[in-house]
Amino acid sequence: DFTQRIMIPREKLEDLVKKASIFDDEIKISIKDNKIKITDFAGDTEVEDELIAENANVAFGISAKFALDFLASYNEENIQICFNAQNLPLMIIANPSYREVLMPIVIPDEIINNTDEEHQDAA
């Protein structure tokens, strides 16, 4: 069972992942304060959008290629992202019969710290 579940429009997530992964396949997805923010590990690209995700506060790194492969293979309107903690596997669910486990990429401390500082500066 997962501690957090977030529903997101598939096309929105696919568009954000594509934009964020132009220069780097390794991306960090942050979900906090009803926003989703995706940055590449190199820090060259950052995209953000509104998201209904009450009480969600998580950041995890994944391969954009694996996420896009999953998102392109299904036409469901919404997908669900399920997770427990930052460096634990997460699951993407399109429908009850189609789900994929993604292994996270460990996010380097300097990337976590930079994002935390940016959230504090924005407040």
Protein backbone atom coordinates (compact mmCIF):
# COMPACT_ATOMS: atom_id res chain seq x y z
CA ASP A 1 0.00 0.00 0.00
CA PHE A 2 1.14 3.56 -0.65
CA THR A 3 1.11 6.55 1.69
CA GLN A 4 0.42 9.07 -1.08
CA ARG A 5 -1.58 8.89 -4.32
CA ILE A 6 -1.88 11.69 -6.83
CA MET A 7 -4.17 11.80 -9.84
CA ILE A 8 -2.87 13.82 -12.80
CA PRO A 9 -4.03 14.27 -16.39
CA ARG A 10 -1.86 12.00 -18.54
CA GLU A 11 -1.37 14.58 -21.31
CA LYS A 12 -0.29 17.25 -18.81
CA LEU A 13 2.31 14.98 -17.23
CA GLU A 14 3.56 13.79 -20.61
CA ASP A 15 3.94 17.39 -21.83
CA LEU A 16 5.78 18.49 -18.68
CA VAL A 17 8.16 15.50 -18.78
CA LYS A 18 8.94 16.12 -22.47
CA LYS A 19 9.71 19.79 -21.85
CA ALA A 20 11.84 19.12 -18.78
CA SER A 21 13.89 16.35 -20.40
CA ILE A 22 15.07 18.20 -23.50
CA PHE A 23 18.70 18.29 -22.30
CA ASP A 24 18.83 15.50 -19.71
CA ASP A 25 17.00 12.17 -19.36
CA GLU A 26 17.25 12.21 -15.56
CA ILE A 27 14.55 14.43 -14.11
CA LYS A 28 13.32 15.39 -10.67
CA ILE A 29 9.58 15.63 -10.06
CA SER A 30 8.51 17.70 -7.05
CA ILE A 31 4.91 17.77 -5.91
CA LYS A 32 4.16 20.28 -3.19
CA ASP A 33 1.59 22.98 -2.39
CA ASN A 34 -0.74 21.91 -5.24
CA LYS A 35 2.03 22.32 -7.82
CA ILE A 36 4.08 19.91 -9.86
CA LYS A 37 7.56 21.04 -10.78
CA ILE A 38 9.87 19.06 -13.03
CA THR A 39 13.55 19.89 -13.47
CA ASP A 40 16.39 18.10 -15.16
CA PHE A 41 19.32 17.05 -12.99
CA ALA A 42 21.65 19.42 -14.86
CA GLY A 43 19.45 22.36 -13.87
CA ASP A 44 19.02 23.54 -17.47
CA THR A 45 15.26 23.11 -17.74
CA GLU A 46 12.41 23.63 -15.30
CA VAL A 47 8.65 23.44 -15.87
CA GLU A 48 5.82 23.91 -13.41
CA ASP A 49 2.04 23.61 -13.41
CA GLU A 50 -0.92 23.62 -11.04
CA LEU A 51 -2.07 20.29 -9.65
CA ILE A 52 -4.74 19.25 -7.20
CA ALA A 53 -2.65 17.30 -4.72
CA GLU A 54 -3.75 18.08 -1.21
CA ASN A 55 -1.22 17.21 1.49
CA ALA A 56 1.28 15.92 -1.07
CA ASN A 57 4.91 16.76 -0.43
CA VAL A 58 7.38 14.60 -2.28
CA ALA A 59 10.30 14.79 -4.68
CA PHE A 60 11.73 11.91 -6.65
CA GLY A 61 14.08 11.38 -9.54
CA ILE A 62 13.20 9.18 -12.51
CA SER A 63 14.26 8.47 -16.05
CA ALA A 64 12.18 10.60 -18.41
CA LYS A 65 12.48 7.91 -21.08
CA PHE A 66 10.83 5.25 -18.93
CA ALA A 67 8.06 7.63 -17.84
CA LEU A 68 7.39 8.74 -21.42
CA ASP A 69 7.34 5.13 -22.67
CA PHE A 70 4.59 4.36 -20.17
CA LEU A 71 2.63 7.55 -20.84
CA ALA A 72 2.74 7.05 -24.62
CA SER A 73 1.51 3.48 -24.39
CA TYR A 74 -1.86 4.27 -22.87
CA ASN A 75 -4.68 6.68 -23.70
CA GLU A 76 -6.35 7.00 -20.31
CA GLU A 77 -7.37 10.56 -19.47
CA ASN A 78 -5.82 10.47 -15.98
CA ILE A 79 -3.07 8.46 -14.38
CA GLN A 80 -2.29 7.90 -10.75
CA ILE A 81 1.17 8.26 -9.23
CA CYS A 82 1.57 6.24 -6.01
CA PHE A 83 4.56 6.53 -3.68
CA ASN A 84 5.77 6.22 -0.11
CA ALA A 85 9.04 8.13 0.11
CA GLN A 86 11.65 9.84 -2.02
CA ASN A 87 14.04 6.96 -2.73
CA LEU A 88 11.54 4.09 -2.77
CA PRO A 89 9.97 2.63 -5.93
CA LEU A 90 6.85 4.37 -7.15
CA MET A 91 3.98 3.11 -9.24
CA ILE A 92 2.20 4.74 -12.16
CA ILE A 93 -1.30 3.40 -12.78
CA ALA A 94 -3.30 4.03 -15.96
CA ASN A 95 -6.13 1.68 -14.99
CA PRO A 96 -6.45 -1.33 -12.67
CA SER A 97 -4.97 -3.67 -15.28
CA TYR A 98 -2.12 -1.44 -16.47
CA ARG A 99 0.49 -0.28 -14.00
CA GLU A 100 4.24 0.18 -13.98
CA VAL A 101 6.77 0.28 -11.19
CA LEU A 102 9.50 2.89 -11.62
CA MET A 103 12.72 2.72 -9.69
CA PRO A 104 13.76 6.18 -8.55
CA ILE A 105 17.08 7.76 -9.36
CA VAL A 106 18.77 8.95 -6.18
CA ILE A 107 18.63 12.72 -6.16
CA PRO A 108 21.99 14.30 -5.29
CA ASP A 109 21.90 16.45 -2.13
CA GLU A 110 22.84 19.62 -4.01
CA ILE A 111 19.77 19.26 -6.24
CA ILE A 112 17.50 18.72 -3.22
CA ASN A 113 19.01 21.72 -1.43
CA ASN A 114 18.69 24.00 -4.48
CA THR A 115 15.01 23.13 -4.86
CA ASP A 116 14.32 23.66 -1.15
CA GLU A 117 15.98 27.09 -1.31
CA GLU A 118 13.90 28.03 -4.38
CA HIS A 119 10.66 27.06 -2.62
CA GLN A 120 11.67 29.20 0.39
CA ASP A 121 12.58 32.17 -1.84
CA ALA A 122 9.21 31.97 -3.60
CA ALA A 123 7.27 32.05 -0.32
